């Protein structure tokens, strides 16, 4: 199951991942392990999302079943729902970003708080409020830097660099984008 989760993000073929997931789901149901069943469902939802199934129903269903019981699964679902890059053109789903931030704040989950701030930066960037987006990306970047989370740090740097480039601040854009590549 863990390999299937990694393979979703690595871009391995759907058929190979589905084979592993089917085997994992059979085992999970056989031993009646609810956490394992939930994990399989979440990986399946991620695979479906990667393959273009833009329905948030899988995450919402899992969220509804686990709310208040299994915080890790709730966080996982809210992070996926809060990432607006998956939901192009779906304006109402940006509210999930706020719910994700509230959940992460309540649980004092520092990496998730900063991820939610990054996602909020994306929301404001889509709404052409660059000043707010820059502030949010900067706060998220500082948090990721303190926690030594390289990928998220690089994502923020790329967004900041792209905005600098768009605004013709080529020196700052070059500096920021160069730093983000070094981070990865």
Protein backbone atom coordinates (compact mmCIF):
# COMPACT_ATOMS: atom_id res chain seq x y z
CA UNK A 1 0.00 0.00 0.00
CA UNK A 2 2.79 2.45 0.86
CA UNK A 3 4.44 1.73 -2.46
CA UNK A 4 1.16 2.45 -4.26
CA UNK A 5 0.95 5.82 -2.49
CA UNK A 6 4.46 6.76 -3.61
CA UNK A 7 3.80 5.51 -7.13
CA UNK A 8 0.76 7.79 -7.48
CA UNK A 9 3.04 10.81 -7.06
CA UNK A 10 5.79 9.30 -9.22
CA UNK A 11 3.42 8.89 -12.17
CA UNK A 12 3.56 5.09 -12.40
CA UNK A 13 0.86 3.62 -14.67
CA UNK A 14 -2.64 3.44 -13.25
CA UNK A 15 -2.94 -0.29 -13.93
CA UNK A 16 0.16 -1.17 -11.89
CA UNK A 17 -0.98 0.99 -8.98
CA UNK A 18 -4.54 -0.32 -9.17
CA UNK A 19 -3.25 -3.89 -8.94
CA UNK A 20 -1.40 -3.08 -5.70
CA UNK A 21 -4.38 -1.17 -4.33
CA UNK A 22 -6.79 -4.01 -5.07
CA UNK A 23 -4.52 -6.44 -3.20
CA UNK A 24 -4.16 -4.01 -0.28
CA UNK A 25 -7.92 -3.42 -0.12
CA UNK A 26 -8.58 -7.18 -0.05
CA UNK A 27 -6.14 -7.62 2.83
CA UNK A 28 -7.57 -4.63 4.73
CA UNK A 29 -11.13 -5.90 4.38
CA UNK A 30 -10.05 -9.43 5.29
CA UNK A 31 -8.56 -8.33 8.61
CA UNK A 32 -11.23 -5.63 9.07
CA UNK A 33 -8.70 -2.92 9.85
CA UNK A 34 -10.59 0.39 9.50
CA UNK A 35 -7.46 2.55 9.40
CA UNK A 36 -5.96 0.39 6.66
CA UNK A 37 -9.24 0.44 4.69
CA UNK A 38 -9.31 4.24 5.01
CA UNK A 39 -5.71 4.52 3.83
CA UNK A 40 -6.53 2.41 0.76
CA UNK A 41 -9.58 4.59 0.04
CA UNK A 42 -7.47 7.75 0.27
CA UNK A 43 -4.79 6.42 -2.06
CA UNK A 44 -7.53 5.37 -4.49
CA UNK A 45 -8.97 8.90 -4.35
CA UNK A 46 -5.49 10.35 -5.03
CA UNK A 47 -5.05 8.02 -8.00
CA UNK A 48 -8.47 8.98 -9.37
CA UNK A 49 -7.62 12.66 -8.97
CA UNK A 50 -4.30 12.18 -10.75
CA UNK A 51 -6.10 10.45 -13.62
CA UNK A 52 -8.43 13.41 -14.10
CA UNK A 53 -11.41 12.43 -11.96
CA UNK A 54 -12.00 15.90 -10.59
CA UNK A 55 -14.79 14.76 -8.33
CA UNK A 56 -14.13 15.58 -4.72
CA UNK A 57 -16.72 13.03 -3.63
CA UNK A 58 -14.16 10.40 -2.63
CA UNK A 59 -12.44 12.79 -0.26
CA UNK A 60 -15.73 14.22 1.04
CA UNK A 61 -17.08 10.71 1.71
CA UNK A 62 -13.95 9.74 3.63
CA UNK A 63 -13.98 13.06 5.46
CA UNK A 64 -17.59 12.57 6.49
CA UNK A 65 -16.88 9.05 7.77
CA UNK A 66 -13.74 10.01 9.70
CA UNK A 67 -14.50 13.51 11.01
CA UNK A 68 -13.76 13.55 14.73
CA UNK A 69 -12.40 10.00 14.81
CA UNK A 70 -9.25 9.70 12.74
CA UNK A 71 -7.45 13.03 12.61
CA UNK A 72 -4.71 11.90 10.22
CA UNK A 73 -7.28 10.87 7.59
CA UNK A 74 -9.19 14.13 8.09
CA UNK A 75 -5.98 16.12 7.60
CA UNK A 76 -5.14 14.11 4.48
CA UNK A 77 -8.59 14.75 2.95
CA UNK A 78 -8.62 18.43 3.83
CA UNK A 79 -5.14 18.92 2.38
CA UNK A 80 -6.30 17.42 -0.95
CA UNK A 81 -9.55 19.40 -0.93
CA UNK A 82 -7.71 22.59 0.07
CA UNK A 83 -5.23 22.36 -2.82
CA UNK A 84 -6.98 24.47 -5.44
CA UNK A 85 -4.61 23.37 -8.19
CA UNK A 86 -6.78 20.24 -8.48
CA UNK A 87 -10.01 22.16 -8.80
CA UNK A 88 -9.51 24.58 -11.69
CA UNK A 89 -12.64 26.64 -12.24
CA UNK A 90 -14.38 25.37 -9.12
CA UNK A 91 -14.75 28.57 -7.17
CA UNK A 92 -16.73 27.08 -4.28
CA UNK A 93 -13.97 24.62 -3.43
CA UNK A 94 -11.58 27.40 -2.34
CA UNK A 95 -13.49 27.39 0.94
CA UNK A 96 -11.92 23.99 1.66
CA UNK A 97 -8.60 25.80 1.99
CA UNK A 98 -10.00 27.79 4.90
CA UNK A 99 -11.39 24.63 6.52
CA UNK A 100 -7.97 22.99 6.10
CA UNK A 101 -6.29 25.98 7.79
CA UNK A 102 -8.78 25.91 10.68
CA UNK A 103 -8.30 22.15 11.18
CA UNK A 104 -4.50 22.44 11.07
CA UNK A 105 -4.57 25.39 13.48
CA UNK A 106 -6.81 23.56 15.93
CA UNK A 107 -4.45 20.58 15.90
CA UNK A 108 -1.35 22.81 16.03
CA UNK A 109 0.01 21.05 12.93
CA UNK A 110 2.76 23.45 11.83
CA UNK A 111 3.57 21.91 8.43
CA UNK A 112 -0.13 21.78 7.53
CA UNK A 113 -0.74 25.35 8.73
CA UNK A 114 1.96 26.59 6.38
CA UNK A 115 0.69 24.38 3.55
CA UNK A 116 -2.78 25.91 4.02
CA UNK A 117 -1.23 29.40 3.93
CA UNK A 118 0.50 28.45 0.67
CA UNK A 119 -2.84 27.25 -0.74
CA UNK A 120 -4.50 30.49 0.36
CA UNK A 121 -1.73 32.33 -1.49
CA UNK A 122 -2.77 30.39 -4.59
CA UNK A 123 -6.40 31.48 -4.06
CA UNK A 124 -5.43 35.15 -3.82
CA UNK A 125 -3.09 34.82 -6.79
CA UNK A 126 -5.98 33.45 -8.90
CA UNK A 127 -8.05 36.42 -7.75
CA UNK A 128 -5.25 38.78 -8.91
CA UNK A 129 -4.48 40.01 -5.39
CA UNK A 130 -0.72 39.70 -5.70
CA UNK A 131 0.11 41.70 -2.57
CA UNK A 132 -1.83 39.30 -0.35
CA UNK A 133 -0.49 36.29 -2.27
CA UNK A 134 3.09 37.49 -1.78
CA UNK A 135 2.50 37.93 1.96
CA UNK A 136 1.02 34.44 2.30
CA UNK A 137 3.74 32.77 0.21
CA UNK A 138 6.41 34.60 2.22
CA UNK A 139 4.98 33.47 5.57
CA UNK A 140 4.63 29.91 4.26
CA UNK A 141 8.19 30.02 2.88
CA UNK A 142 9.58 31.18 6.23
CA UNK A 143 7.75 28.35 8.02
CA UNK A 144 8.90 25.71 5.55
CA UNK A 145 12.46 27.03 5.82
CA UNK A 146 12.39 26.77 9.63
CA UNK A 147 11.01 23.22 9.42
CA UNK A 148 13.42 22.27 6.62
CA UNK A 149 10.64 21.16 4.23
CA UNK A 150 12.38 21.54 0.89
CA UNK A 151 9.66 20.73 -1.62
CA UNK A 152 7.09 23.11 -0.16
CA UNK A 153 9.77 25.74 0.26
CA UNK A 154 10.67 25.41 -3.43
CA UNK A 155 6.99 25.63 -4.44
CA UNK A 156 6.66 28.96 -2.62
CA UNK A 157 9.91 30.25 -4.13
CA UNK A 158 8.72 29.33 -7.62
CA UNK A 159 5.46 31.23 -7.12
CA UNK A 160 7.28 34.28 -5.75
CA UNK A 161 9.81 34.10 -8.59
CA UNK A 162 7.06 33.82 -11.20
CA UNK A 163 5.33 36.90 -9.79
CA UNK A 164 8.61 38.85 -9.82
CA UNK A 165 9.20 37.78 -13.41
CA UNK A 166 5.67 38.82 -14.39
CA UNK A 167 6.24 42.21 -12.77
CA UNK A 168 9.51 42.65 -14.71
CA UNK A 169 11.72 42.35 -11.65
CA UNK A 170 14.01 39.99 -13.53
CA UNK A 171 16.89 40.16 -11.03
CA UNK A 172 14.66 39.14 -8.13
CA UNK A 173 12.91 36.51 -10.28
CA UNK A 174 16.22 34.99 -11.35
CA UNK A 175 17.48 34.96 -7.77
CA UNK A 176 14.29 33.38 -6.38
CA UNK A 177 13.89 30.78 -9.13
CA UNK A 178 17.57 29.86 -8.88
CA UNK A 179 17.21 29.33 -5.14
CA UNK A 180 14.14 27.16 -5.65
CA UNK A 181 16.01 24.88 -8.06
CA UNK A 182 18.86 24.53 -5.58
CA UNK A 183 16.31 23.60 -2.91
CA UNK A 184 14.92 20.75 -4.97
